[in-house]
Amino acid sequence: MPESWSIALIIPVIASLSIQKVPEKQVSAFVNGNFTIGALFPVHYPPQSK
């Protein structure tokens, strides 16, 4: 039973810390411009050498 009171004290502390870390402004990782998928994942096979 002694562990139950320590857990009851730890949970509100963790909850308050997690609430404080929520950013007020939403941050987006979107970058303006073209995103070239072909450079990362080529769609066409290279021409076969004869």
PDB file of N, CA and C in Angstrom:
ATOM      1  N   MET A   1       0.793  -1.221   0.000  1.00  0.00           N
ATOM      2  CA  MET A   1       0.000   0.000   0.000  1.00  0.00           C
ATOM      3  C   MET A   1       0.829   1.277   0.000  1.00  0.00           C
ATOM      4  N   PRO A   2       2.069   1.280   0.491  1.00  0.00           N
ATOM      5  CA  PRO A   2       2.811   2.537   0.508  1.00  0.00           C
ATOM      6  C   PRO A   2       3.071   3.089  -0.888  1.00  0.00           C
ATOM      7  N   GLU A   3       3.077   2.213  -1.907  1.00  0.00           N
ATOM      8  CA  GLU A   3       3.327   2.683  -3.265  1.00  0.00           C
ATOM      9  C   GLU A   3       2.144   3.450  -3.836  1.00  0.00           C
ATOM     10  N   SER A   4       0.953   3.195  -3.348  1.00  0.00           N
ATOM     11  CA  SER A   4      -0.236   3.827  -3.928  1.00  0.00           C
ATOM     12  C   SER A   4      -0.240   5.336  -3.725  1.00  0.00           C
ATOM     13  N   TRP A   5       0.221   5.815  -2.575  1.00  0.00           N
ATOM     14  CA  TRP A   5       0.231   7.270  -2.368  1.00  0.00           C
ATOM     15  C   TRP A   5       1.300   7.943  -3.215  1.00  0.00           C
ATOM     16  N   SER A   6       2.425   7.245  -3.474  1.00  0.00           N
ATOM     17  CA  SER A   6       3.468   7.842  -4.315  1.00  0.00           C
ATOM     18  C   SER A   6       3.010   7.909  -5.766  1.00  0.00           C
ATOM     19  N   ILE A   7       2.278   6.899  -6.208  1.00  0.00           N
ATOM     20  CA  ILE A   7       1.725   6.925  -7.561  1.00  0.00           C
ATOM     21  C   ILE A   7       0.689   8.027  -7.682  1.00  0.00           C
ATOM     22  N   ALA A   8      -0.108   8.213  -6.627  1.00  0.00           N
ATOM     23  CA  ALA A   8      -1.119   9.269  -6.642  1.00  0.00           C
ATOM     24  C   ALA A   8      -0.480  10.650  -6.698  1.00  0.00           C
ATOM     25  N   LEU A   9       0.741  10.798  -6.221  1.00  0.00           N
ATOM     26  CA  LEU A   9       1.441  12.084  -6.298  1.00  0.00           C
ATOM     27  C   LEU A   9       2.176  12.260  -7.619  1.00  0.00           C
ATOM     28  N   ILE A  10       2.674  11.169  -8.177  1.00  0.00           N
ATOM     29  CA  ILE A  10       3.460  11.244  -9.411  1.00  0.00           C
ATOM     30  C   ILE A  10       2.578  11.521 -10.623  1.00  0.00           C
ATOM     31  N   ILE A  11       1.416  10.906 -10.701  1.00  0.00           N
ATOM     32  CA  ILE A  11       0.544  11.054 -11.875  1.00  0.00           C
ATOM     33  C   ILE A  11       0.139  12.510 -12.116  1.00  0.00           C
ATOM     34  N   PRO A  12      -0.307  13.276 -11.118  1.00  0.00           N
ATOM     35  CA  PRO A  12      -0.638  14.686 -11.393  1.00  0.00           C
ATOM     36  C   PRO A  12       0.568  15.519 -11.821  1.00  0.00           C
ATOM     37  N   VAL A  13       1.745  15.192 -11.308  1.00  0.00           N
ATOM     38  CA  VAL A  13       2.951  15.929 -11.708  1.00  0.00           C
ATOM     39  C   VAL A  13       3.253  15.672 -13.173  1.00  0.00           C
ATOM     40  N   ILE A  14       3.178  14.421 -13.597  1.00  0.00           N
ATOM     41  CA  ILE A  14       3.421  14.081 -15.003  1.00  0.00           C
ATOM     42  C   ILE A  14       2.366  14.729 -15.890  1.00  0.00           C
ATOM     43  N   ALA A  15       1.119  14.717 -15.456  1.00  0.00           N
ATOM     44  CA  ALA A  15       0.047  15.322 -16.249  1.00  0.00           C
ATOM     45  C   ALA A  15       0.255  16.822 -16.394  1.00  0.00           C
ATOM     46  N   SER A  16       0.670  17.494 -15.343  1.00  0.00           N
ATOM     47  CA  SER A  16       0.871  18.943 -15.432  1.00  0.00           C
ATOM     48  C   SER A  16       2.062  19.278 -16.316  1.00  0.00           C
ATOM     49  N   LEU A  17       3.107  18.459 -16.288  1.00  0.00           N
ATOM     50  CA  LEU A  17       4.262  18.704 -17.152  1.00  0.00           C
ATOM     51  C   LEU A  17       3.915  18.488 -18.615  1.00  0.00           C
ATOM     52  N   SER A  18       3.102  17.475 -18.900  1.00  0.00           N
ATOM     53  CA  SER A  18       2.738  17.221 -20.293  1.00  0.00           C
ATOM     54  C   SER A  18       1.808  18.298 -20.827  1.00  0.00           C
ATOM     55  N   ILE A  19       0.964  18.868 -19.988  1.00  0.00           N
ATOM     56  CA  ILE A  19       0.068  19.938 -20.428  1.00  0.00           C
ATOM     57  C   ILE A  19       0.865  21.199 -20.724  1.00  0.00           C
ATOM     58  N   GLN A  20       1.900  21.477 -19.960  1.00  0.00           N
ATOM     59  CA  GLN A  20       2.694  22.680 -20.162  1.00  0.00           C
ATOM     60  C   GLN A  20       3.516  22.617 -21.436  1.00  0.00           C
ATOM     61  N   LYS A  21       3.819  21.435 -21.930  1.00  0.00           N
ATOM     62  CA  LYS A  21       4.648  21.302 -23.120  1.00  0.00           C
ATOM     63  C   LYS A  21       3.852  21.395 -24.414  1.00  0.00           C
ATOM     64  N   VAL A  22       2.545  21.550 -24.347  1.00  0.00           N
ATOM     65  CA  VAL A  22       1.730  21.666 -25.551  1.00  0.00           C
ATOM     66  C   VAL A  22       1.972  23.042 -26.153  1.00  0.00           C
ATOM     67  N   PRO A  23       2.402  23.118 -27.420  1.00  0.00           N
ATOM     68  CA  PRO A  23       2.668  24.428 -28.016  1.00  0.00           C
ATOM     69  C   PRO A  23       1.376  25.205 -28.251  1.00  0.00           C
ATOM     70  N   GLU A  24       1.465  26.520 -28.089  1.00  0.00           N
ATOM     71  CA  GLU A  24       0.291  27.357 -28.306  1.00  0.00           C
ATOM     72  C   GLU A  24       0.005  27.523 -29.789  1.00  0.00           C
ATOM     73  N   LYS A  25       1.049  27.516 -30.599  1.00  0.00           N
ATOM     74  CA  LYS A  25       0.889  27.680 -32.039  1.00  0.00           C
ATOM     75  C   LYS A  25       1.254  26.364 -32.713  1.00  0.00           C
ATOM     76  N   GLN A  26       0.423  25.943 -33.645  1.00  0.00           N
ATOM     77  CA  GLN A  26       0.685  24.685 -34.346  1.00  0.00           C
ATOM     78  C   GLN A  26       1.826  24.892 -35.334  1.00  0.00           C
ATOM     79  N   VAL A  27       2.806  24.022 -35.279  1.00  0.00           N
ATOM     80  CA  VAL A  27       3.960  24.111 -36.156  1.00  0.00           C
ATOM     81  C   VAL A  27       3.804  23.079 -37.255  1.00  0.00           C
ATOM     82  N   SER A  28       4.000  23.507 -38.491  1.00  0.00           N
ATOM     83  CA  SER A  28       3.861  22.608 -39.627  1.00  0.00           C
ATOM     84  C   SER A  28       5.223  22.376 -40.260  1.00  0.00           C
ATOM     85  N   ALA A  29       5.432  21.178 -40.756  1.00  0.00           N
ATOM     86  CA  ALA A  29       6.691  20.849 -41.420  1.00  0.00           C
ATOM     87  C   ALA A  29       6.579  21.023 -42.921  1.00  0.00           C
ATOM     88  N   PHE A  30       5.522  21.661 -43.397  1.00  0.00           N
ATOM     89  CA  PHE A  30       5.308  21.846 -44.830  1.00  0.00           C
ATOM     90  C   PHE A  30       6.286  22.879 -45.365  1.00  0.00           C
ATOM     91  N   VAL A  31       6.910  22.573 -46.489  1.00  0.00           N
ATOM     92  CA  VAL A  31       7.845  23.497 -47.122  1.00  0.00           C
ATOM     93  C   VAL A  31       7.258  23.897 -48.463  1.00  0.00           C
ATOM     94  N   ASN A  32       7.209  25.190 -48.736  1.00  0.00           N
ATOM     95  CA  ASN A  32       6.690  25.656 -50.020  1.00  0.00           C
ATOM     96  C   ASN A  32       7.635  25.237 -51.138  1.00  0.00           C
ATOM     97  N   GLY A  33       7.069  24.876 -52.272  1.00  0.00           N
ATOM     98  CA  GLY A  33       7.873  24.481 -53.420  1.00  0.00           C
ATOM     99  C   GLY A  33       7.482  23.102 -53.921  1.00  0.00           C
ATOM    100  N   ASN A  34       8.223  22.640 -54.916  1.00  0.00           N
ATOM    101  CA  ASN A  34       7.947  21.338 -55.515  1.00  0.00           C
ATOM    102  C   ASN A  34       8.650  20.246 -54.723  1.00  0.00           C
ATOM    103  N   PHE A  35       7.985  19.140 -54.641  1.00  0.00           N
ATOM    104  CA  PHE A  35       8.564  17.968 -53.991  1.00  0.00           C
ATOM    105  C   PHE A  35       8.737  16.906 -55.056  1.00  0.00           C
ATOM    106  N   THR A  36       9.966  16.594 -55.386  1.00  0.00           N
ATOM    107  CA  THR A  36      10.237  15.658 -56.469  1.00  0.00           C
ATOM    108  C   THR A  36      10.355  14.251 -55.915  1.00  0.00           C
ATOM    109  N   ILE A  37       9.324  13.455 -56.170  1.00  0.00           N
ATOM    110  CA  ILE A  37       9.335  12.069 -55.703  1.00  0.00           C
ATOM    111  C   ILE A  37      10.263  11.231 -56.577  1.00  0.00           C
ATOM    112  N   GLY A  38      10.362  11.580 -57.845  1.00  0.00           N
ATOM    113  CA  GLY A  38      11.178  10.806 -58.771  1.00  0.00           C
ATOM    114  C   GLY A  38      12.639  10.738 -58.372  1.00  0.00           C
ATOM    115  N   ALA A  39      13.122  11.767 -57.711  1.00  0.00           N
ATOM    116  CA  ALA A  39      14.523  11.750 -57.290  1.00  0.00           C
ATOM    117  C   ALA A  39      14.737  10.736 -56.174  1.00  0.00           C
ATOM    118  N   LEU A  40      13.725  10.531 -55.370  1.00  0.00           N
ATOM    119  CA  LEU A  40      13.853   9.587 -54.270  1.00  0.00           C
ATOM    120  C   LEU A  40      13.458   8.175 -54.681  1.00  0.00           C
ATOM    121  N   PHE A  41      12.394   8.070 -55.453  1.00  0.00           N
ATOM    122  CA  PHE A  41      11.875   6.778 -55.882  1.00  0.00           C
ATOM    123  C   PHE A  41      11.660   6.818 -57.394  1.00  0.00           C
ATOM    124  N   PRO A  42      12.653   6.432 -58.188  1.00  0.00           N
ATOM    125  CA  PRO A  42      12.510   6.496 -59.644  1.00  0.00           C
ATOM    126  C   PRO A  42      11.336   5.637 -60.125  1.00  0.00           C
ATOM    127  N   VAL A  43      10.542   6.214 -61.012  1.00  0.00           N
ATOM    128  CA  VAL A  43       9.375   5.519 -61.534  1.00  0.00           C
ATOM    129  C   VAL A  43       9.760   4.681 -62.745  1.00  0.00           C
ATOM    130  N   HIS A  44      10.661   5.196 -63.579  1.00  0.00           N
ATOM    131  CA  HIS A  44      11.032   4.518 -64.823  1.00  0.00           C
ATOM    132  C   HIS A  44      12.345   3.762 -64.631  1.00  0.00           C
ATOM    133  N   TYR A  45      12.437   2.663 -65.334  1.00  0.00           N
ATOM    134  CA  TYR A  45      13.676   1.902 -65.311  1.00  0.00           C
ATOM    135  C   TYR A  45      14.682   2.555 -66.258  1.00  0.00           C
ATOM    136  N   PRO A  46      15.965   2.446 -65.992  1.00  0.00           N
ATOM    137  CA  PRO A  46      16.955   3.019 -66.917  1.00  0.00           C
ATOM    138  C   PRO A  46      16.948   2.243 -68.232  1.00  0.00           C
ATOM    139  N   PRO A  47      17.287   2.900 -69.327  1.00  0.00           N
ATOM    140  CA  PRO A  47      17.300   2.193 -70.620  1.00  0.00           C
ATOM    141  C   PRO A  47      18.343   1.075 -70.612  1.00  0.00           C
ATOM    142  N   GLN A  48      17.963  -0.025 -71.242  1.00  0.00           N
ATOM    143  CA  GLN A  48      18.871  -1.169 -71.288  1.00  0.00           C
ATOM    144  C   GLN A  48      19.969  -0.902 -72.309  1.00  0.00           C
ATOM    145  N   SER A  49      21.184  -1.240 -71.934  1.00  0.00           N
ATOM    146  CA  SER A  49      22.298  -1.051 -72.871  1.00  0.00           C
ATOM    147  C   SER A  49      22.315  -2.208 -73.864  1.00  0.00           C
ATOM    148  N   LYS A  50      22.606  -1.884 -75.126  1.00  0.00           N
ATOM    149  CA  LYS A  50      22.605  -2.916 -76.179  1.00  0.00           C
ATOM    150  C   LYS A  50      23.991  -3.389 -76.495  1.00  0.00           C
TER     151      LYS A  50
END
